[in-house]
């Protein structure tokens, strides 16, 4: 069985490892991150050329099952995968870690987009810890009255807010380090995407402890008709039906 995993997440790497050596596994990485952690099995880096290109790749390489295990906010590739799977008649599963949920003491403000999140900030704080990634910073570029600490794996490119300090770092992050970061930079507002997972969740705990408001950008929906698994074990069980 040949499985193509659209990867770049911890779950994608764990799934690729769990399927070895019973299946042939190819993991595709977008190539947007410098020095990515490579999964087990075959790896390809770069785009497919849209839905049609992905469908052609599925046919050419005789893929038996496709797993979309990309970041929950990688909306374009997810919709391309849904279209390509139909065109190439290849079964598709979306592997999505559960989103975060607010708990007692959290002061969360839910936004439907980065643009909506940007519009909420002036009323909530002045020193912003921005953890939405280096893509999409243009949504915040006009907020010159605010100061931003922007954290990402790779350096961002303009447009971005004029008063921005960039922190290049890669998770997982500890609760102690997140507490110290908020204190050292006098942060009074956190902005994040609902990425889910444990690697970057400590910032939410640190914000709750400090009594800070958190703007959470809601993740986009999975394309209609696509089956969803929330754990690697669920995804592996789904794939087992095609191993015949």
C-alpha atoms as a PDB file:
ATOM      1  CA  UNK A   1       0.000   0.000   0.000  1.00  0.00           C
ATOM      2  CA  UNK A   2       1.290   3.441  -0.940  1.00  0.00           C
ATOM      3  CA  UNK A   3       0.173   6.242   1.393  1.00  0.00           C
ATOM      4  CA  UNK A   4       0.768   9.909   0.660  1.00  0.00           C
ATOM      5  CA  UNK A   5       0.800  12.080   3.779  1.00  0.00           C
ATOM      6  CA  UNK A   6       0.534  15.831   3.378  1.00  0.00           C
ATOM      7  CA  UNK A   7       2.674  16.646   6.376  1.00  0.00           C
ATOM      8  CA  UNK A   8       4.548  19.253   8.343  1.00  0.00           C
ATOM      9  CA  UNK A   9       3.006  18.457  11.729  1.00  0.00           C
ATOM     10  CA  UNK A  10       4.001  16.264  14.644  1.00  0.00           C
ATOM     11  CA  UNK A  11       1.015  14.045  13.921  1.00  0.00           C
ATOM     12  CA  UNK A  12       2.158  13.550  10.322  1.00  0.00           C
ATOM     13  CA  UNK A  13       5.608  12.416  11.462  1.00  0.00           C
ATOM     14  CA  UNK A  14       4.147  10.033  14.031  1.00  0.00           C
ATOM     15  CA  UNK A  15       1.785   8.539  11.488  1.00  0.00           C
ATOM     16  CA  UNK A  16       4.570   8.013   8.940  1.00  0.00           C
ATOM     17  CA  UNK A  17       6.661   6.259  11.573  1.00  0.00           C
ATOM     18  CA  UNK A  18       3.774   4.069  12.731  1.00  0.00           C
ATOM     19  CA  UNK A  19       3.094   2.816   9.201  1.00  0.00           C
ATOM     20  CA  UNK A  20       6.672   1.644   8.585  1.00  0.00           C
ATOM     21  CA  UNK A  21       7.574  -0.887   7.249  1.00  0.00           C
ATOM     22  CA  UNK A  22       4.159  -2.377   6.469  1.00  0.00           C
ATOM     23  CA  UNK A  23       3.332   0.360   3.970  1.00  0.00           C
ATOM     24  CA  UNK A  24       5.172   2.538   1.512  1.00  0.00           C
ATOM     25  CA  UNK A  25       4.858   6.066   2.889  1.00  0.00           C
ATOM     26  CA  UNK A  26       5.627   9.323   1.124  1.00  0.00           C
ATOM     27  CA  UNK A  27       5.358  12.543   3.094  1.00  0.00           C
ATOM     28  CA  UNK A  28       5.011  15.822   1.239  1.00  0.00           C
ATOM     29  CA  UNK A  29       6.287  19.014   2.875  1.00  0.00           C
ATOM     30  CA  UNK A  30       5.435  22.469   1.589  1.00  0.00           C
ATOM     31  CA  UNK A  31       9.009  23.699   2.010  1.00  0.00           C
ATOM     32  CA  UNK A  32       8.087  26.914   3.815  1.00  0.00           C
ATOM     33  CA  UNK A  33      10.114  26.145   6.954  1.00  0.00           C
ATOM     34  CA  UNK A  34      13.911  26.123   6.985  1.00  0.00           C
ATOM     35  CA  UNK A  35      15.427  22.893   8.289  1.00  0.00           C
ATOM     36  CA  UNK A  36      12.213  20.901   8.844  1.00  0.00           C
ATOM     37  CA  UNK A  37      12.219  17.744  10.944  1.00  0.00           C
ATOM     38  CA  UNK A  38      12.029  14.967   8.356  1.00  0.00           C
ATOM     39  CA  UNK A  39       9.709  12.012   8.877  1.00  0.00           C
ATOM     40  CA  UNK A  40      10.393   8.331   8.286  1.00  0.00           C
ATOM     41  CA  UNK A  41       9.949   7.020   4.756  1.00  0.00           C
ATOM     42  CA  UNK A  42      10.130   8.891   1.468  1.00  0.00           C
ATOM     43  CA  UNK A  43       9.957  12.689   1.493  1.00  0.00           C
ATOM     44  CA  UNK A  44       9.140  15.203  -1.217  1.00  0.00           C
ATOM     45  CA  UNK A  45       9.387  18.971  -0.719  1.00  0.00           C
ATOM     46  CA  UNK A  46       7.459  21.605  -2.629  1.00  0.00           C
ATOM     47  CA  UNK A  47       4.025  22.160  -4.100  1.00  0.00           C
ATOM     48  CA  UNK A  48       2.149  20.002  -6.599  1.00  0.00           C
ATOM     49  CA  UNK A  49       0.796  22.753  -8.813  1.00  0.00           C
ATOM     50  CA  UNK A  50      -2.678  22.939  -7.349  1.00  0.00           C
ATOM     51  CA  UNK A  51      -5.418  20.328  -7.213  1.00  0.00           C
ATOM     52  CA  UNK A  52      -4.837  19.116 -10.772  1.00  0.00           C
ATOM     53  CA  UNK A  53      -1.130  18.626 -10.141  1.00  0.00           C
ATOM     54  CA  UNK A  54      -1.815  16.689  -6.957  1.00  0.00           C
ATOM     55  CA  UNK A  55      -4.369  14.481  -8.718  1.00  0.00           C
ATOM     56  CA  UNK A  56      -1.824  13.694 -11.422  1.00  0.00           C
ATOM     57  CA  UNK A  57       0.803  12.855  -8.784  1.00  0.00           C
ATOM     58  CA  UNK A  58      -1.626  10.490  -7.047  1.00  0.00           C
ATOM     59  CA  UNK A  59      -2.253   8.648 -10.318  1.00  0.00           C
ATOM     60  CA  UNK A  60       1.358   8.584 -11.495  1.00  0.00           C
ATOM     61  CA  UNK A  61       2.675   7.248  -8.192  1.00  0.00           C
ATOM     62  CA  UNK A  62      -0.206   4.822  -7.686  1.00  0.00           C
ATOM     63  CA  UNK A  63      -1.244   6.186  -4.304  1.00  0.00           C
ATOM     64  CA  UNK A  64      -3.790   4.016  -2.497  1.00  0.00           C
ATOM     65  CA  UNK A  65      -4.747   6.472   0.266  1.00  0.00           C
ATOM     66  CA  UNK A  66      -4.194  10.158   0.981  1.00  0.00           C
ATOM     67  CA  UNK A  67      -3.911  11.671   4.477  1.00  0.00           C
ATOM     68  CA  UNK A  68      -4.090  15.428   4.935  1.00  0.00           C
ATOM     69  CA  UNK A  69      -2.087  15.924   8.125  1.00  0.00           C
ATOM     70  CA  UNK A  70      -1.132  19.523   7.430  1.00  0.00           C
ATOM     71  CA  UNK A  71      -1.408  22.392   9.902  1.00  0.00           C
ATOM     72  CA  UNK A  72      -5.063  23.125  10.797  1.00  0.00           C
ATOM     73  CA  UNK A  73      -4.710  26.525   9.091  1.00  0.00           C
ATOM     74  CA  UNK A  74      -3.251  25.207   5.805  1.00  0.00           C
ATOM     75  CA  UNK A  75      -6.601  25.833   4.138  1.00  0.00           C
ATOM     76  CA  UNK A  76      -5.514  25.925   0.488  1.00  0.00           C
ATOM     77  CA  UNK A  77      -3.743  22.558   0.435  1.00  0.00           C
ATOM     78  CA  UNK A  78      -6.648  20.954   2.323  1.00  0.00           C
ATOM     79  CA  UNK A  79      -9.159  22.053  -0.298  1.00  0.00           C
ATOM     80  CA  UNK A  80      -6.772  21.036  -3.091  1.00  0.00           C
ATOM     81  CA  UNK A  81      -6.460  17.620  -1.464  1.00  0.00           C
ATOM     82  CA  UNK A  82     -10.230  17.206  -1.317  1.00  0.00           C
ATOM     83  CA  UNK A  83     -10.577  18.088  -4.998  1.00  0.00           C
ATOM     84  CA  UNK A  84      -7.640  15.917  -6.081  1.00  0.00           C
ATOM     85  CA  UNK A  85      -8.884  12.904  -4.130  1.00  0.00           C
ATOM     86  CA  UNK A  86     -12.223  13.041  -5.956  1.00  0.00           C
ATOM     87  CA  UNK A  87     -10.560  13.484  -9.338  1.00  0.00           C
ATOM     88  CA  UNK A  88      -8.074  10.639  -8.824  1.00  0.00           C
ATOM     89  CA  UNK A  89     -10.556   8.377  -6.979  1.00  0.00           C
ATOM     90  CA  UNK A  90      -8.251   8.080  -3.966  1.00  0.00           C
ATOM     91  CA  UNK A  91      -9.708   7.845  -0.431  1.00  0.00           C
ATOM     92  CA  UNK A  92      -8.878  10.870   1.734  1.00  0.00           C
ATOM     93  CA  UNK A  93      -8.659  11.361   5.486  1.00  0.00           C
ATOM     94  CA  UNK A  94      -7.982  14.613   7.338  1.00  0.00           C
ATOM     95  CA  UNK A  95      -5.895  14.150  10.489  1.00  0.00           C
ATOM     96  CA  UNK A  96      -6.616  17.107  12.762  1.00  0.00           C
ATOM     97  CA  UNK A  97      -5.511  17.428  16.362  1.00  0.00           C
ATOM     98  CA  UNK A  98      -8.315  18.785  18.582  1.00  0.00           C
ATOM     99  CA  UNK A  99      -8.487  22.532  19.034  1.00  0.00           C
ATOM    100  CA  UNK A 100      -7.946  24.236  22.362  1.00  0.00           C
ATOM    101  CA  UNK A 101     -10.834  24.951  24.711  1.00  0.00           C
ATOM    102  CA  UNK A 102     -11.135  27.832  27.153  1.00  0.00           C
ATOM    103  CA  UNK A 103     -11.155  26.903  30.829  1.00  0.00           C
ATOM    104  CA  UNK A 104     -11.927  28.574  34.109  1.00  0.00           C
ATOM    105  CA  UNK A 105     -10.075  31.887  34.383  1.00  0.00           C
ATOM    106  CA  UNK A 106      -9.436  32.268  30.651  1.00  0.00           C
ATOM    107  CA  UNK A 107     -10.312  35.597  29.012  1.00  0.00           C
ATOM    108  CA  UNK A 108     -10.650  34.519  25.388  1.00  0.00           C
ATOM    109  CA  UNK A 109     -11.916  36.626  22.487  1.00  0.00           C
ATOM    110  CA  UNK A 110     -12.733  34.560  19.392  1.00  0.00           C
ATOM    111  CA  UNK A 111     -11.978  35.940  15.921  1.00  0.00           C
ATOM    112  CA  UNK A 112     -13.002  34.457  12.594  1.00  0.00           C
ATOM    113  CA  UNK A 113      -9.925  35.711  10.741  1.00  0.00           C
ATOM    114  CA  UNK A 114      -6.614  37.502  11.212  1.00  0.00           C
ATOM    115  CA  UNK A 115      -8.240  40.706   9.998  1.00  0.00           C
ATOM    116  CA  UNK A 116     -10.996  40.427  12.587  1.00  0.00           C
ATOM    117  CA  UNK A 117      -8.401  39.683  15.266  1.00  0.00           C
ATOM    118  CA  UNK A 118      -6.447  42.812  14.316  1.00  0.00           C
ATOM    119  CA  UNK A 119      -9.562  44.921  14.713  1.00  0.00           C
ATOM    120  CA  UNK A 120     -10.027  43.685  18.283  1.00  0.00           C
ATOM    121  CA  UNK A 121      -6.541  44.495  19.561  1.00  0.00           C
ATOM    122  CA  UNK A 122      -6.658  48.272  20.289  1.00  0.00           C
ATOM    123  CA  UNK A 123      -9.450  47.794  22.809  1.00  0.00           C
ATOM    124  CA  UNK A 124      -7.672  44.946  24.611  1.00  0.00           C
ATOM    125  CA  UNK A 125      -4.004  45.854  25.059  1.00  0.00           C
ATOM    126  CA  UNK A 126      -0.899  47.757  23.989  1.00  0.00           C
ATOM    127  CA  UNK A 127       1.952  45.210  24.131  1.00  0.00           C
ATOM    128  CA  UNK A 128       0.999  42.236  22.005  1.00  0.00           C
ATOM    129  CA  UNK A 129       2.545  38.768  21.898  1.00  0.00           C
ATOM    130  CA  UNK A 130       1.710  37.692  18.336  1.00  0.00           C
ATOM    131  CA  UNK A 131       2.000  33.942  17.712  1.00  0.00           C
ATOM    132  CA  UNK A 132       0.004  33.545  14.502  1.00  0.00           C
ATOM    133  CA  UNK A 133       3.065  32.735  12.373  1.00  0.00           C
ATOM    134  CA  UNK A 134       4.969  34.777   9.829  1.00  0.00           C
ATOM    135  CA  UNK A 135       2.299  34.489   7.140  1.00  0.00           C
ATOM    136  CA  UNK A 136      -0.533  36.991   7.305  1.00  0.00           C
ATOM    137  CA  UNK A 137       1.260  39.740   9.209  1.00  0.00           C
ATOM    138  CA  UNK A 138      -0.147  42.289   6.777  1.00  0.00           C
ATOM    139  CA  UNK A 139      -3.432  42.089   8.707  1.00  0.00           C
ATOM    140  CA  UNK A 140      -1.708  43.804  11.654  1.00  0.00           C
ATOM    141  CA  UNK A 141       0.467  46.226   9.665  1.00  0.00           C
ATOM    142  CA  UNK A 142      -1.680  49.294  10.291  1.00  0.00           C
ATOM    143  CA  UNK A 143      -1.656  49.041  14.084  1.00  0.00           C
ATOM    144  CA  UNK A 144       1.176  51.509  14.624  1.00  0.00           C
ATOM    145  CA  UNK A 145      -0.067  52.476  18.082  1.00  0.00           C
ATOM    146  CA  UNK A 146       0.643  48.971  19.399  1.00  0.00           C
ATOM    147  CA  UNK A 147       3.940  47.198  20.104  1.00  0.00           C
ATOM    148  CA  UNK A 148       4.324  43.585  18.936  1.00  0.00           C
ATOM    149  CA  UNK A 149       6.537  40.699  19.942  1.00  0.00           C
ATOM    150  CA  UNK A 150       6.234  38.369  16.973  1.00  0.00           C
ATOM    151  CA  UNK A 151       7.458  34.768  17.341  1.00  0.00           C
ATOM    152  CA  UNK A 152       8.035  32.424  14.413  1.00  0.00           C
ATOM    153  CA  UNK A 153      10.386  29.688  13.219  1.00  0.00           C
ATOM    154  CA  UNK A 154      11.680  31.709  10.258  1.00  0.00           C
ATOM    155  CA  UNK A 155      12.103  35.449   9.825  1.00  0.00           C
ATOM    156  CA  UNK A 156       8.979  37.248   8.565  1.00  0.00           C
ATOM    157  CA  UNK A 157       8.851  39.620   5.625  1.00  0.00           C
ATOM    158  CA  UNK A 158       7.000  42.934   5.338  1.00  0.00           C
ATOM    159  CA  UNK A 159       4.400  44.239   5.471  1.00  0.00           C
ATOM    160  CA  UNK A 160       4.227  43.960   9.245  1.00  0.00           C
ATOM    161  CA  UNK A 161       3.524  46.302  12.176  1.00  0.00           C
ATOM    162  CA  UNK A 162       6.052  49.154  12.377  1.00  0.00           C
ATOM    163  CA  UNK A 163       6.782  48.550  16.072  1.00  0.00           C
ATOM    164  CA  UNK A 164       7.698  44.864  15.983  1.00  0.00           C
ATOM    165  CA  UNK A 165      10.374  42.842  17.715  1.00  0.00           C
ATOM    166  CA  UNK A 166      10.936  39.442  16.076  1.00  0.00           C
ATOM    167  CA  UNK A 167      11.747  36.368  18.146  1.00  0.00           C
ATOM    168  CA  UNK A 168      12.920  33.361  16.138  1.00  0.00           C
ATOM    169  CA  UNK A 169      12.198  30.186  18.058  1.00  0.00           C
ATOM    170  CA  UNK A 170      10.743  26.729  17.570  1.00  0.00           C
ATOM    171  CA  UNK A 171       8.536  24.832  20.025  1.00  0.00           C
ATOM    172  CA  UNK A 172       7.854  22.958  22.142  1.00  0.00           C
ATOM    173  CA  UNK A 173       7.853  25.689  24.793  1.00  0.00           C
ATOM    174  CA  UNK A 174       7.782  25.251  28.565  1.00  0.00           C
ATOM    175  CA  UNK A 175       5.438  26.983  30.967  1.00  0.00           C
ATOM    176  CA  UNK A 176       8.337  28.575  32.837  1.00  0.00           C
ATOM    177  CA  UNK A 177       9.823  30.017  29.654  1.00  0.00           C
ATOM    178  CA  UNK A 178       6.455  31.423  28.579  1.00  0.00           C
ATOM    179  CA  UNK A 179       5.900  33.020  31.979  1.00  0.00           C
ATOM    180  CA  UNK A 180       9.326  34.665  31.783  1.00  0.00           C
ATOM    181  CA  UNK A 181       8.721  35.865  28.224  1.00  0.00           C
ATOM    182  CA  UNK A 182       5.445  37.568  29.180  1.00  0.00           C
ATOM    183  CA  UNK A 183       7.097  39.191  32.198  1.00  0.00           C
ATOM    184  CA  UNK A 184      10.270  40.314  30.446  1.00  0.00           C
ATOM    185  CA  UNK A 185       8.441  41.966  27.551  1.00  0.00           C
ATOM    186  CA  UNK A 186       5.600  43.353  29.705  1.00  0.00           C
ATOM    187  CA  UNK A 187       3.032  41.644  27.487  1.00  0.00           C
ATOM    188  CA  UNK A 188      -0.592  42.562  28.158  1.00  0.00           C
ATOM    189  CA  UNK A 189      -2.283  40.734  25.246  1.00  0.00           C
ATOM    190  CA  UNK A 190      -1.755  37.393  23.470  1.00  0.00           C
ATOM    191  CA  UNK A 191      -2.873  36.610  19.908  1.00  0.00           C
ATOM    192  CA  UNK A 192      -2.850  33.040  18.644  1.00  0.00           C
ATOM    193  CA  UNK A 193      -4.430  30.702  16.140  1.00  0.00           C
ATOM    194  CA  UNK A 194      -6.386  27.717  17.454  1.00  0.00           C
ATOM    195  CA  UNK A 195      -3.689  25.303  16.342  1.00  0.00           C
ATOM    196  CA  UNK A 196      -4.260  22.841  19.170  1.00  0.00           C
ATOM    197  CA  UNK A 197      -1.627  20.458  20.493  1.00  0.00           C
ATOM    198  CA  UNK A 198       0.661  20.523  23.501  1.00  0.00           C
ATOM    199  CA  UNK A 199       3.817  22.022  21.984  1.00  0.00           C
ATOM    200  CA  UNK A 200       2.631  25.639  22.100  1.00  0.00           C
ATOM    201  CA  UNK A 201      -0.178  25.385  24.663  1.00  0.00           C
ATOM    202  CA  UNK A 202       1.883  26.637  27.667  1.00  0.00           C
ATOM    203  CA  UNK A 203       1.490  30.241  26.455  1.00  0.00           C
ATOM    204  CA  UNK A 204      -2.256  29.922  27.116  1.00  0.00           C
ATOM    205  CA  UNK A 205      -1.641  28.773  30.684  1.00  0.00           C
ATOM    206  CA  UNK A 206       0.860  31.573  31.239  1.00  0.00           C
ATOM    207  CA  UNK A 207      -1.628  34.125  29.904  1.00  0.00           C
ATOM    208  CA  UNK A 208      -4.375  32.794  32.165  1.00  0.00           C
ATOM    209  CA  UNK A 209      -2.106  32.956  35.208  1.00  0.00           C
ATOM    210  CA  UNK A 210      -1.213  36.553  34.354  1.00  0.00           C
ATOM    211  CA  UNK A 211      -4.837  37.526  33.778  1.00  0.00           C
ATOM    212  CA  UNK A 212      -4.198  38.505  30.156  1.00  0.00           C
ATOM    213  CA  UNK A 213      -6.822  38.621  27.408  1.00  0.00           C
ATOM    214  CA  UNK A 214      -6.229  36.181  24.542  1.00  0.00           C
ATOM    215  CA  UNK A 215      -7.479  36.680  20.999  1.00  0.00           C
ATOM    216  CA  UNK A 216      -7.954  33.232  19.446  1.00  0.00           C
ATOM    217  CA  UNK A 217      -8.383  32.939  15.673  1.00  0.00           C
ATOM    218  CA  UNK A 218     -10.839  30.173  14.826  1.00  0.00           C
ATOM    219  CA  UNK A 219      -9.481  27.453  12.528  1.00  0.00           C
ATOM    220  CA  UNK A 220     -11.038  27.006   9.061  1.00  0.00           C
ATOM    221  CA  UNK A 221     -13.398  24.056   8.554  1.00  0.00           C
ATOM    222  CA  UNK A 222     -12.359  20.788   6.968  1.00  0.00           C
ATOM    223  CA  UNK A 223     -13.737  20.575   3.397  1.00  0.00           C
ATOM    224  CA  UNK A 224     -17.213  19.113   3.142  1.00  0.00           C
ATOM    225  CA  UNK A 225     -17.403  15.340   2.849  1.00  0.00           C
ATOM    226  CA  UNK A 226     -13.877  14.655   4.159  1.00  0.00           C
ATOM    227  CA  UNK A 227     -13.640  12.141   6.987  1.00  0.00           C
ATOM    228  CA  UNK A 228     -11.706  13.354  10.040  1.00  0.00           C
ATOM    229  CA  UNK A 229      -9.491  11.565  12.565  1.00  0.00           C
ATOM    230  CA  UNK A 230      -8.242  13.368  15.660  1.00  0.00           C
ATOM    231  CA  UNK A 231      -5.452  10.975  16.668  1.00  0.00           C
ATOM    232  CA  UNK A 232      -2.671   9.085  14.919  1.00  0.00           C
ATOM    233  CA  UNK A 233      -4.181   5.776  16.091  1.00  0.00           C
ATOM    234  CA  UNK A 234      -7.515   6.676  14.480  1.00  0.00           C
ATOM    235  CA  UNK A 235      -5.750   7.524  11.233  1.00  0.00           C
ATOM    236  CA  UNK A 236      -3.793   4.264  11.266  1.00  0.00           C
ATOM    237  CA  UNK A 237      -7.011   2.321  11.883  1.00  0.00           C
ATOM    238  CA  UNK A 238      -8.672   4.076   8.933  1.00  0.00           C
ATOM    239  CA  UNK A 239      -5.729   3.210   6.672  1.00  0.00           C
ATOM    240  CA  UNK A 240      -5.788  -0.441   7.702  1.00  0.00           C
ATOM    241  CA  UNK A 241      -8.940  -0.999   5.609  1.00  0.00           C
ATOM    242  CA  UNK A 242      -6.933  -0.372   2.431  1.00  0.00           C
ATOM    243  CA  UNK A 243      -3.961  -2.616   3.234  1.00  0.00           C
ATOM    244  CA  UNK A 244      -5.718  -5.740   1.836  1.00  0.00           C
END
